[in-house]
Amino acid sequence: MDWSSSTTVGLVFILTFLIILKIGSFLNSNRRKNLPPGPRALPIIGNLHLFDLKRPYKTYLQLSEEYGPVYSVQMGQRKIVVLSGYETVKEALVNQADAFAERPKIPIFEDLTKGYGLVFAHGENWKVMRRFTLTTLRDFGMGKRAIEDRIVEEYGYLLDTIGSQEGKPFDASKIINSAVANIIVSILLGKRFDYKDSRFIRLLQLTNESMRLAGKPLVTMYNIFPYLGFLLRANKTLLKNKDEFRAYVKVTFIEHLKTLDKNDLRSFIDAFLVKQQEEKSTSNGYFHNDNLLSLVSNLFTAGLETISSTLNWSLLLMLKYPEIQRKVQEEIEQVIGSNPPRIEHRTQMPYTDAVIHEVQRFASILPLDLPHETTTDVILKDYFIPKGTYIIPLLISVLQDKSQWEKPEMFYPEHFLDSKGKFVKKDAFMPFSAGRRICAGETLAKMELFLFFTSLLQRFTFHPPPGVSASDLDLNPAISFNIIPKPYKICAVARS
């Protein structure tokens, strides 16, 4: 053998030896680091074959029973760690809040927001936008009398519109959407729309359609395999809807700029535009138009979808359980009578408050929460989770945790009542998530849910359409990004 060939053999031997050492040390370090367990992944697709893509939360729940409260799945090339149950989710999002505070980059949401705005924003941009949003929402009356008066005014329009149906069967979801949307619109734009306004109807259509499309299996596939994007129609429609929605918002803030007075702010958009003008002199600005457009879109969608979906569930559940509807109405008669419901009544109405909380728990509107990402290496329940890991806090597992709820599978308002009928707060009640990324509009949402729900049951008794019994009603959700009821008709009979 000549010198060069023996050198080659030697190099190959050394390289092979080094590779074996590397693999060994990698496996050992992984064992040493104790990564979360999970099902064996297939090449390319990972664990995709295990999933019900229409209702992925069901698969995640099943896997948590097999692998425990912290486990991992592989979706395409991406490793996902799933947190299940109240103790685990609280440990991560509350006790180790900073370590779990980031959002991962998800292809469809990066396409839609480019990381701007609030909900899918990252790093310092998210912190600045969140601070501004919370301050401005408070300035515009979130949790105060000013916004309560707007909701009271709006439920007047809602009740009149429902009353005009004269007890005949109708789909209440669009009317409820309009009423709820007007509250967030009044903060964002400083005005309300008539329910028949064509631009308003179009904004609602765009938002509702986008939420449905974002939950479609094809969009999930795009998020896992982004290079398939050119094949996906749903993806194109989402981007088209975004452009149309933003075009309207742009026209609105250009109008606002013409009459902007920093001493008389009419809306959230005004507050942002003033910040934008103040920031002109600095180079590392956050108050640019991309952030404004994403922020308005985020707040409009969040302020509309969660509350209207919860109210739609509440009416369906009142049809399903007429005896619960009667008990709420009895409490309304005792405490409010024929007076307009106000937020001060809530503390005197434990049963009604319990029913509203139980609707949120039972419906579990955002079963997977919105995904988080770790900002640093972290140890959770003795498992090592590396920095930059995609995290799913399985909110539905918290809201159905058998150790926290007496009858997790049932609609049972007594979950929130003690033996004397007093309202009881529950730590495992997390429909708005928890920690750093908790919903910015939680206070507003709670106020809206109480005032809209109570005013509806004060004015009307709700029945299924003729020929439909309570037992016929289907509580299985429709397919969407969030959990919404399938379309249903309702009869609203005015109470004397």
Protein backbone atom coordinates (compact mmCIF):
# COMPACT_ATOMS: atom_id res chain seq x y z
CA MET A 1 0.00 0.00 0.00
CA ASP A 2 1.46 3.39 -0.90
CA TRP A 3 1.82 6.25 1.58
CA SER A 4 -1.10 8.33 0.25
CA SER A 5 -3.64 5.47 0.38
CA SER A 6 -2.61 4.49 3.92
CA THR A 7 -3.00 8.15 4.95
CA THR A 8 -6.49 8.17 3.42
CA VAL A 9 -7.42 4.99 5.29
CA GLY A 10 -6.06 6.53 8.48
CA LEU A 11 -8.06 9.73 7.97
CA VAL A 12 -11.25 7.78 7.27
CA PHE A 13 -10.62 5.73 10.45
CA ILE A 14 -10.03 8.88 12.54
CA LEU A 15 -13.13 10.60 11.07
CA THR A 16 -15.28 7.53 11.70
CA PHE A 17 -13.97 7.34 15.26
CA LEU A 18 -14.72 11.05 15.82
CA ILE A 19 -18.25 10.69 14.39
CA ILE A 20 -18.92 7.73 16.70
CA LEU A 21 -17.62 9.77 19.64
CA LYS A 22 -19.78 12.75 18.60
CA ILE A 23 -22.93 10.62 18.26
CA GLY A 24 -22.17 8.95 21.58
CA SER A 25 -21.62 12.24 23.39
CA PHE A 26 -24.75 13.70 21.73
CA LEU A 27 -26.85 10.73 22.87
CA ASN A 28 -25.29 10.87 26.33
CA SER A 29 -25.85 14.60 26.64
CA ASN A 30 -29.46 14.13 25.55
CA ARG A 31 -29.86 11.36 28.12
CA ARG A 32 -28.09 13.48 30.69
CA LYS A 33 -30.27 16.47 29.87
CA ASN A 34 -33.41 14.36 30.21
CA LEU A 35 -35.49 15.69 27.31
CA PRO A 36 -39.30 15.26 27.48
CA PRO A 37 -40.55 11.85 26.25
CA GLY A 38 -42.85 11.41 23.25
CA PRO A 39 -43.91 9.13 20.41
CA ARG A 40 -41.32 7.89 17.90
CA ALA A 41 -41.16 10.24 14.88
CA LEU A 42 -41.19 9.15 11.23
CA PRO A 43 -38.77 10.68 8.70
CA ILE A 44 -39.93 14.01 7.15
CA ILE A 45 -43.47 14.02 8.63
CA GLY A 46 -42.51 13.44 12.29
CA ASN A 47 -45.65 12.54 14.29
CA LEU A 48 -48.08 14.12 11.84
CA HIS A 49 -49.68 10.73 11.10
CA LEU A 50 -50.97 10.53 14.70
CA PHE A 51 -52.96 13.77 14.54
CA ASP A 52 -56.59 14.66 13.97
CA LEU A 53 -55.73 17.84 12.05
CA LYS A 54 -59.30 19.17 12.31
CA ARG A 55 -59.25 18.95 16.10
CA PRO A 56 -55.57 18.62 17.08
CA TYR A 57 -56.30 19.37 20.75
CA LYS A 58 -57.98 15.93 21.02
CA THR A 59 -54.76 14.20 19.91
CA TYR A 60 -52.69 16.32 22.31
CA LEU A 61 -55.00 15.34 25.20
CA GLN A 62 -54.72 11.64 24.32
CA LEU A 63 -50.91 11.84 24.08
CA SER A 64 -50.70 13.57 27.49
CA GLU A 65 -52.46 10.56 29.04
CA GLU A 66 -49.78 8.31 27.58
CA TYR A 67 -46.64 10.47 28.03
CA GLY A 68 -47.48 12.66 31.03
CA PRO A 69 -47.72 16.42 31.71
CA VAL A 70 -44.54 17.38 29.77
CA TYR A 71 -43.94 15.58 26.48
CA SER A 72 -42.68 16.28 22.98
CA VAL A 73 -43.95 15.67 19.47
CA GLN A 74 -42.24 16.19 16.14
CA MET A 75 -44.22 18.14 13.49
CA GLY A 76 -42.20 17.95 10.28
CA GLN A 77 -38.75 19.22 11.27
CA ARG A 78 -40.00 21.10 14.34
CA LYS A 79 -39.84 19.70 17.86
CA ILE A 80 -42.81 20.82 19.99
CA VAL A 81 -43.04 20.47 23.77
CA VAL A 82 -46.59 20.17 25.13
CA LEU A 83 -47.54 21.19 28.67
CA SER A 84 -50.63 19.52 30.09
CA GLY A 85 -52.62 20.03 33.31
CA TYR A 86 -52.98 22.97 35.69
CA GLU A 87 -49.83 22.41 37.80
CA THR A 88 -47.52 22.15 34.78
CA VAL A 89 -48.99 25.07 32.81
CA LYS A 90 -48.94 27.29 35.91
CA GLU A 91 -45.33 26.28 36.71
CA ALA A 92 -44.28 27.32 33.18
CA LEU A 93 -46.39 30.40 32.37
CA VAL A 94 -46.63 31.92 35.87
CA ASN A 95 -43.72 30.67 38.02
CA GLN A 96 -41.20 30.73 35.13
CA ALA A 97 -42.99 33.47 33.17
CA ASP A 98 -39.90 35.11 31.59
CA ALA A 99 -38.49 31.79 30.34
CA PHE A 100 -41.74 31.02 28.45
CA ALA A 101 -42.57 34.56 27.25
CA GLU A 102 -41.55 34.45 23.57
CA ARG A 103 -43.67 33.53 20.52
CA PRO A 104 -42.28 31.12 17.92
CA LYS A 105 -42.18 32.17 14.27
CA ILE A 106 -45.13 30.41 12.62
CA PRO A 107 -45.15 30.72 8.81
CA ILE A 108 -48.77 31.83 8.31
CA PHE A 109 -48.63 34.40 11.13
CA GLU A 110 -45.24 35.69 10.00
CA ASP A 111 -46.80 36.16 6.52
CA LEU A 112 -49.74 38.02 8.06
CA THR A 113 -47.95 40.20 10.64
CA LYS A 114 -44.17 40.09 9.84
CA GLY A 115 -43.73 39.88 13.64
CA TYR A 116 -45.35 43.30 14.19
CA GLY A 117 -48.33 44.20 16.38
CA LEU A 118 -48.93 42.39 19.66
CA VAL A 119 -50.20 38.81 19.45
CA PHE A 120 -47.42 37.29 17.30
CA ALA A 121 -44.76 39.95 17.98
CA HIS A 122 -41.29 39.12 19.25
CA GLY A 123 -38.68 40.51 21.63
CA GLU A 124 -38.47 44.22 22.35
CA ASN A 125 -41.12 45.09 19.75
CA TRP A 126 -43.65 42.96 21.65
CA LYS A 127 -42.71 44.58 25.00
CA VAL A 128 -43.11 48.12 23.63
CA MET A 129 -46.43 47.33 21.89
CA ARG A 130 -47.82 45.55 24.96
CA ARG A 131 -46.94 48.45 27.28
CA PHE A 132 -48.52 50.94 24.88
CA THR A 133 -51.65 48.77 24.40
CA LEU A 134 -52.30 48.23 28.12
CA THR A 135 -51.78 51.93 28.95
CA THR A 136 -53.95 53.11 26.06
CA LEU A 137 -56.77 50.63 26.75
CA ARG A 138 -56.82 51.84 30.35
CA ASP A 139 -56.83 55.48 29.19
CA PHE A 140 -59.84 54.71 27.00
CA GLY A 141 -61.77 53.32 29.92
CA MET A 142 -61.06 49.57 30.02
CA GLY A 143 -62.52 48.41 33.33
CA LYS A 144 -64.01 51.86 34.04
CA ARG A 145 -67.40 53.52 33.88
CA ALA A 146 -66.75 55.11 30.45
CA ILE A 147 -66.49 51.77 28.66
CA GLU A 148 -69.31 50.30 30.74
CA ASP A 149 -71.60 53.07 29.46
CA ARG A 150 -70.66 52.14 25.87
CA ILE A 151 -71.50 48.48 26.50
CA VAL A 152 -74.84 49.45 28.10
CA GLU A 153 -75.64 51.62 25.06
CA GLU A 154 -74.64 48.79 22.72
CA TYR A 155 -76.71 46.11 24.42
CA GLY A 156 -79.70 48.41 23.88
CA TYR A 157 -79.14 48.16 20.09
CA LEU A 158 -78.53 44.41 20.36
CA LEU A 159 -81.76 43.77 22.29
CA ASP A 160 -83.82 45.89 19.89
CA THR A 161 -82.39 44.01 16.89
CA ILE A 162 -83.13 40.62 18.46
CA GLY A 163 -86.61 41.84 19.49
CA SER A 164 -87.36 42.69 15.84
CA GLN A 165 -87.19 38.95 15.05
CA GLU A 166 -90.53 38.65 16.95
CA GLY A 167 -89.78 35.22 18.39
CA LYS A 168 -89.18 33.58 14.99
CA PRO A 169 -86.15 31.27 14.51
CA PHE A 170 -82.96 33.12 13.49
CA ASP A 171 -79.17 32.79 13.65
CA ALA A 172 -78.05 35.14 16.44
CA SER A 173 -74.31 34.86 15.76
CA LYS A 174 -74.03 37.72 13.23
CA ILE A 175 -75.99 40.15 15.44
CA ILE A 176 -73.91 39.21 18.48
CA ASN A 177 -70.72 39.62 16.40
CA SER A 178 -71.82 43.13 15.42
CA ALA A 179 -72.59 44.21 18.99
CA VAL A 180 -69.29 42.85 20.36
CA ALA A 181 -67.27 44.29 17.45
CA ASN A 182 -68.72 47.75 18.11
CA ILE A 183 -67.14 47.84 21.58
CA ILE A 184 -63.59 47.26 20.32
CA VAL A 185 -64.28 49.49 17.25
CA SER A 186 -65.38 52.33 19.54
CA ILE A 187 -61.98 52.11 21.29
CA LEU A 188 -59.89 51.64 18.12
CA LEU A 189 -61.67 54.10 15.81
CA GLY A 190 -63.68 56.24 18.22
CA LYS A 191 -67.09 55.43 16.67
CA ARG A 192 -69.71 52.70 16.37
CA PHE A 193 -71.27 51.26 13.21
CA ASP A 194 -74.88 50.52 12.37
CA TYR A 195 -75.32 46.73 12.11
CA LYS A 196 -76.37 47.12 8.47
CA ASP A 197 -73.38 49.28 7.46
CA SER A 198 -71.84 47.49 4.45
CA ARG A 199 -68.20 48.29 5.39
CA PHE A 200 -68.78 47.03 8.92
CA ILE A 201 -70.38 43.81 7.64
CA ARG A 202 -67.39 43.30 5.34
CA LEU A 203 -64.84 43.80 8.18
CA LEU A 204 -66.71 41.18 10.23
CA GLN A 205 -66.82 38.78 7.27
CA LEU A 206 -63.08 39.14 6.67
CA THR A 207 -62.26 38.49 10.34
CA ASN A 208 -64.64 35.53 10.71
CA GLU A 209 -63.48 33.92 7.47
CA SER A 210 -59.82 34.34 8.40
CA MET A 211 -60.36 32.67 11.80
CA ARG A 212 -62.08 29.70 10.12
CA LEU A 213 -59.33 29.39 7.50
CA ALA A 214 -56.51 29.64 10.07
CA GLY A 215 -57.89 26.45 11.68
CA LYS A 216 -58.04 24.44 8.43
CA PRO A 217 -55.82 21.34 8.16
CA LEU A 218 -54.23 22.75 4.98
CA VAL A 219 -53.00 25.83 6.84
CA THR A 220 -51.60 23.56 9.57
CA MET A 221 -49.77 21.67 6.81
CA TYR A 222 -48.36 24.95 5.46
CA ASN A 223 -47.08 25.86 8.95
CA ILE A 224 -45.29 22.50 9.14
CA PHE A 225 -44.06 22.47 5.50
CA PRO A 226 -43.92 26.15 4.43
CA TYR A 227 -42.42 25.27 1.04
CA LEU A 228 -45.89 23.86 0.14
CA GLY A 229 -47.34 27.37 0.38
CA PHE A 230 -47.76 27.73 -3.38
CA LEU A 231 -50.26 24.83 -3.31
CA LEU A 232 -52.56 26.27 -0.65
CA ARG A 233 -55.65 28.26 -1.59
CA ALA A 234 -56.61 28.94 2.05
CA ASN A 235 -53.25 30.62 2.56
CA LYS A 236 -53.82 33.00 -0.40
CA THR A 237 -57.32 33.92 0.84
CA LEU A 238 -55.93 34.74 4.29
CA LEU A 239 -53.35 37.11 2.79
CA LYS A 240 -55.97 38.72 0.53
CA ASN A 241 -58.27 39.24 3.54
CA LYS A 242 -55.42 40.80 5.49
CA ASP A 243 -54.71 43.27 2.66
CA GLU A 244 -58.39 44.27 2.37
CA PHE A 245 -58.76 44.75 6.15
CA ARG A 246 -55.57 46.83 6.33
CA ALA A 247 -56.57 48.99 3.36
CA TYR A 248 -59.68 50.05 5.32
CA VAL A 249 -57.69 50.75 8.50
CA LYS A 250 -55.16 52.78 6.50
CA VAL A 251 -57.89 55.02 5.07
CA THR A 252 -59.22 55.50 8.62
CA PHE A 253 -55.91 56.55 10.14
CA ILE A 254 -55.17 58.90 7.22
CA GLU A 255 -58.53 60.58 8.00
CA HIS A 256 -57.60 60.72 11.70
CA LEU A 257 -54.24 62.36 10.88
CA LYS A 258 -56.00 65.30 9.19
CA THR A 259 -57.77 66.29 12.42
CA LEU A 260 -55.33 64.93 15.00
CA ASP A 261 -55.19 66.90 18.26
CA LYS A 262 -52.85 65.48 20.89
CA ASN A 263 -54.86 67.25 23.61
CA ASP A 264 -58.09 65.57 22.50
CA LEU A 265 -57.48 61.90 21.68
CA ARG A 266 -60.61 60.26 20.22
CA SER A 267 -59.35 56.72 19.82
CA PHE A 268 -56.57 54.15 20.11
CA ILE A 269 -55.43 55.08 16.58
CA ASP A 270 -55.12 58.74 17.63
CA ALA A 271 -52.96 57.74 20.63
CA PHE A 272 -50.67 55.72 18.33
CA LEU A 273 -50.38 58.53 15.76
CA VAL A 274 -49.36 61.00 18.49
CA LYS A 275 -46.67 58.53 19.65
CA GLN A 276 -45.56 58.20 16.03
CA GLN A 277 -45.10 61.99 15.72
CA GLU A 278 -43.23 62.18 19.05
CA GLU A 279 -40.90 59.39 17.91
CA LYS A 280 -40.03 60.94 14.51
CA SER A 281 -36.72 62.25 15.87
CA THR A 282 -35.49 58.81 17.01
CA SER A 283 -33.97 56.24 14.66
CA ASN A 284 -34.97 52.96 16.35
CA GLY A 285 -38.70 53.68 16.23
CA TYR A 286 -41.46 51.18 17.04
CA PHE A 287 -44.44 53.41 16.27
CA HIS A 288 -44.48 52.87 12.52
CA ASN A 289 -47.44 52.05 10.25
CA ASP A 290 -46.70 48.30 10.09
CA ASN A 291 -47.02 48.06 13.86
CA LEU A 292 -50.21 50.16 13.82
CA LEU A 293 -51.86 48.02 11.13
CA SER A 294 -50.94 44.76 12.88
CA LEU A 295 -51.98 46.11 16.28
CA VAL A 296 -55.43 47.26 15.10
CA SER A 297 -55.95 43.95 13.30
CA ASN A 298 -54.85 41.96 16.41
CA LEU A 299 -57.09 43.89 18.78
CA PHE A 300 -60.08 43.83 16.45
CA THR A 301 -59.81 40.05 15.98
CA ALA A 302 -59.12 39.28 19.64
CA GLY A 303 -61.79 41.71 20.87
CA LEU A 304 -64.35 40.20 18.53
CA GLU A 305 -63.71 36.47 18.32
CA THR A 306 -63.27 35.32 21.91
CA ILE A 307 -66.20 37.30 23.33
CA SER A 308 -68.69 36.67 20.51
CA SER A 309 -67.77 32.94 20.45
CA THR A 310 -68.31 32.72 24.22
CA LEU A 311 -71.70 34.49 23.96
CA ASN A 312 -72.73 32.18 21.10
CA TRP A 313 -71.82 29.20 23.28
CA SER A 314 -73.73 30.71 26.22
CA LEU A 315 -76.99 30.94 24.24
CA LEU A 316 -76.60 27.42 22.84
CA LEU A 317 -76.03 26.11 26.38
CA MET A 318 -79.12 27.99 27.64
CA LEU A 319 -81.15 26.17 24.93
CA LYS A 320 -79.58 22.88 26.01
CA TYR A 321 -80.16 23.47 29.74
CA PRO A 322 -83.40 25.48 30.16
CA GLU A 323 -83.41 24.89 33.94
CA ILE A 324 -80.07 26.78 34.21
CA GLN A 325 -81.53 29.59 32.06
CA ARG A 326 -84.50 29.81 34.48
CA LYS A 327 -82.23 30.02 37.54
CA VAL A 328 -80.24 32.88 35.94
CA GLN A 329 -83.49 34.72 35.17
CA GLU A 330 -84.71 34.27 38.75
CA GLU A 331 -81.49 35.83 40.05
CA ILE A 332 -81.82 38.71 37.54
CA GLU A 333 -85.37 39.36 38.81
CA GLN A 334 -84.27 39.33 42.46
CA VAL A 335 -81.21 41.56 42.06
CA ILE A 336 -81.83 43.84 39.04
CA GLY A 337 -85.56 43.65 38.33
CA SER A 338 -86.27 45.76 35.24
CA ASN A 339 -83.27 48.12 35.73
CA PRO A 340 -80.46 48.10 33.15
CA PRO A 341 -77.76 45.60 34.18
CA ARG A 342 -74.56 47.29 35.39
CA ILE A 343 -71.20 45.83 36.39
CA GLU A 344 -71.87 46.61 40.08
CA HIS A 345 -74.61 43.93 40.03
CA ARG A 346 -72.10 41.14 39.35
CA THR A 347 -71.00 40.68 42.98
CA GLN A 348 -74.68 40.27 43.98
CA MET A 349 -75.29 37.63 41.29
CA PRO A 350 -73.09 34.62 42.12
CA TYR A 351 -75.12 32.12 40.08
CA THR A 352 -75.08 34.22 36.88
CA ASP A 353 -71.35 34.86 37.36
CA ALA A 354 -70.77 31.11 37.85
CA VAL A 355 -72.72 30.30 34.66
CA ILE A 356 -70.63 32.77 32.60
CA HIS A 357 -67.38 31.35 34.01
CA GLU A 358 -68.56 27.80 33.34
CA VAL A 359 -69.40 28.68 29.71
CA GLN A 360 -65.80 29.84 29.29
CA ARG A 361 -64.39 26.74 30.99
CA PHE A 362 -66.65 24.28 29.15
CA ALA A 363 -66.25 25.89 25.70
CA SER A 364 -62.46 26.32 26.03
CA ILE A 365 -62.36 28.74 23.08
CA LEU A 366 -58.55 28.53 22.62
CA PRO A 367 -57.78 24.90 23.49
CA LEU A 368 -54.06 25.07 22.59
CA ASP A 369 -53.59 28.64 23.84
CA LEU A 370 -51.37 30.55 21.39
CA PRO A 371 -47.94 28.91 21.13
CA HIS A 372 -45.05 30.09 23.30
CA GLU A 373 -41.29 29.76 22.88
CA THR A 374 -38.58 29.45 25.50
CA THR A 375 -36.24 32.44 25.83
CA THR A 376 -33.56 30.38 27.61
CA ASP A 377 -32.69 26.77 28.51
CA VAL A 378 -35.15 25.73 31.19
CA ILE A 379 -35.88 22.79 33.53
CA LEU A 380 -39.56 21.94 33.96
CA LYS A 381 -40.76 18.96 36.00
CA ASP A 382 -37.16 17.61 35.85
CA TYR A 383 -37.14 17.75 32.03
CA PHE A 384 -34.64 19.83 30.09
CA ILE A 385 -36.18 22.17 27.48
CA PRO A 386 -33.64 24.02 25.27
CA LYS A 387 -33.85 27.74 24.43
CA GLY A 388 -35.97 28.41 21.31
CA THR A 389 -38.32 25.42 21.82
CA TYR A 390 -41.88 25.71 20.48
CA ILE A 391 -44.24 25.28 23.47
CA ILE A 392 -47.94 24.42 23.47
CA PRO A 393 -49.60 25.16 26.83
CA LEU A 394 -52.63 22.87 26.48
CA LEU A 395 -55.25 25.21 28.00
CA ILE A 396 -58.08 22.72 27.47
CA SER A 397 -56.20 20.29 29.75
CA VAL A 398 -56.19 22.98 32.48
CA LEU A 399 -59.90 23.75 32.02
CA GLN A 400 -60.68 20.00 32.12
CA ASP A 401 -58.11 18.96 34.75
CA LYS A 402 -59.72 16.17 36.83
CA SER A 403 -57.75 17.25 39.90
CA GLN A 404 -59.26 20.77 39.71
CA TRP A 405 -62.83 20.28 38.51
CA GLU A 406 -65.49 18.00 39.95
CA LYS A 407 -67.20 17.21 36.63
CA PRO A 408 -64.75 18.38 33.92
CA GLU A 409 -66.66 16.88 30.98
CA MET A 410 -70.02 18.38 31.99
CA PHE A 411 -71.53 21.87 31.89
CA TYR A 412 -71.76 22.40 35.65
CA PRO A 413 -71.97 26.00 37.02
CA GLU A 414 -71.53 24.63 40.56
CA HIS A 415 -67.80 24.41 39.76
CA PHE A 416 -67.73 28.11 40.73
CA LEU A 417 -70.06 28.00 43.76
CA ASP A 418 -69.47 26.93 47.35
CA SER A 419 -71.98 24.98 49.48
CA LYS A 420 -73.73 28.26 50.41
CA GLY A 421 -74.11 29.38 46.79
CA LYS A 422 -71.36 32.03 47.00
CA PHE A 423 -69.10 32.57 43.97
CA VAL A 424 -65.66 30.91 44.24
CA LYS A 425 -62.59 31.93 42.24
CA LYS A 426 -60.62 29.02 40.81
CA ASP A 427 -56.89 29.23 40.08
CA ALA A 428 -57.28 26.69 37.26
CA PHE A 429 -59.67 29.05 35.43
CA MET A 430 -57.31 30.19 32.64
CA PRO A 431 -59.37 30.89 29.50
CA PHE A 432 -57.31 34.08 28.88
CA SER A 433 -54.01 32.18 29.29
CA ALA A 434 -51.58 33.27 32.04
CA GLY A 435 -48.21 34.91 32.61
CA ARG A 436 -46.53 37.47 30.36
CA ARG A 437 -48.71 36.72 27.33
CA ILE A 438 -52.06 36.80 29.13
CA CYS A 439 -54.83 38.44 27.06
CA ALA A 440 -54.42 42.25 27.18
CA GLY A 441 -58.21 42.75 27.05
CA GLU A 442 -59.18 40.37 29.88
CA THR A 443 -60.84 43.09 32.01
CA LEU A 444 -62.84 44.36 29.03
CA ALA A 445 -63.88 40.81 28.05
CA LYS A 446 -65.20 40.01 31.55
CA MET A 447 -67.23 43.22 31.60
CA GLU A 448 -68.71 42.56 28.14
CA LEU A 449 -69.60 38.94 28.91
CA PHE A 450 -71.46 39.85 32.09
CA LEU A 451 -73.35 42.84 30.65
CA PHE A 452 -74.30 41.27 27.30
CA PHE A 453 -75.30 37.89 28.78
CA THR A 454 -77.33 39.38 31.66
CA SER A 455 -79.13 41.90 29.44
CA LEU A 456 -80.06 39.13 26.94
CA LEU A 457 -81.53 36.88 29.64
CA GLN A 458 -83.28 39.80 31.32
CA ARG A 459 -85.16 40.70 28.13
CA PHE A 460 -85.70 37.27 26.48
CA THR A 461 -86.22 33.59 27.13
CA PHE A 462 -84.40 31.52 24.52
CA HIS A 463 -85.88 28.34 23.00
CA PRO A 464 -84.83 25.95 20.23
CA PRO A 465 -86.84 26.34 16.98
CA PRO A 466 -90.20 24.45 16.77
CA GLY A 467 -89.64 20.72 16.29
CA VAL A 468 -86.13 20.81 17.84
CA SER A 469 -85.71 19.52 21.39
CA ALA A 470 -82.87 20.34 23.79
CA SER A 471 -81.55 16.79 23.37
CA ASP A 472 -81.24 17.34 19.57
CA LEU A 473 -78.77 20.21 20.02
CA ASP A 474 -75.20 19.39 18.98
CA LEU A 475 -72.44 20.66 21.29
CA ASN A 476 -69.64 19.42 19.02
CA PRO A 477 -67.71 22.46 17.75
CA ALA A 478 -67.22 23.62 14.17
CA ILE A 479 -63.73 23.54 12.60
CA SER A 480 -61.93 26.82 13.19
CA PHE A 481 -58.75 28.28 14.70
CA ASN A 482 -60.76 28.68 17.91
CA ILE A 483 -63.58 26.46 19.26
CA ILE A 484 -66.92 27.82 18.04
CA PRO A 485 -70.38 26.24 17.97
CA LYS A 486 -71.77 24.85 14.74
CA PRO A 487 -74.39 27.23 13.26
CA TYR A 488 -77.71 26.97 15.08
CA LYS A 489 -81.07 28.77 15.08
CA ILE A 490 -82.71 30.24 18.14
CA CYS A 491 -86.09 31.73 19.14
CA ALA A 492 -85.96 34.76 21.44
CA VAL A 493 -89.30 35.27 23.22
CA ALA A 494 -89.68 38.62 24.96
CA ARG A 495 -90.25 38.35 28.72
CA SER A 496 -93.09 40.33 30.17
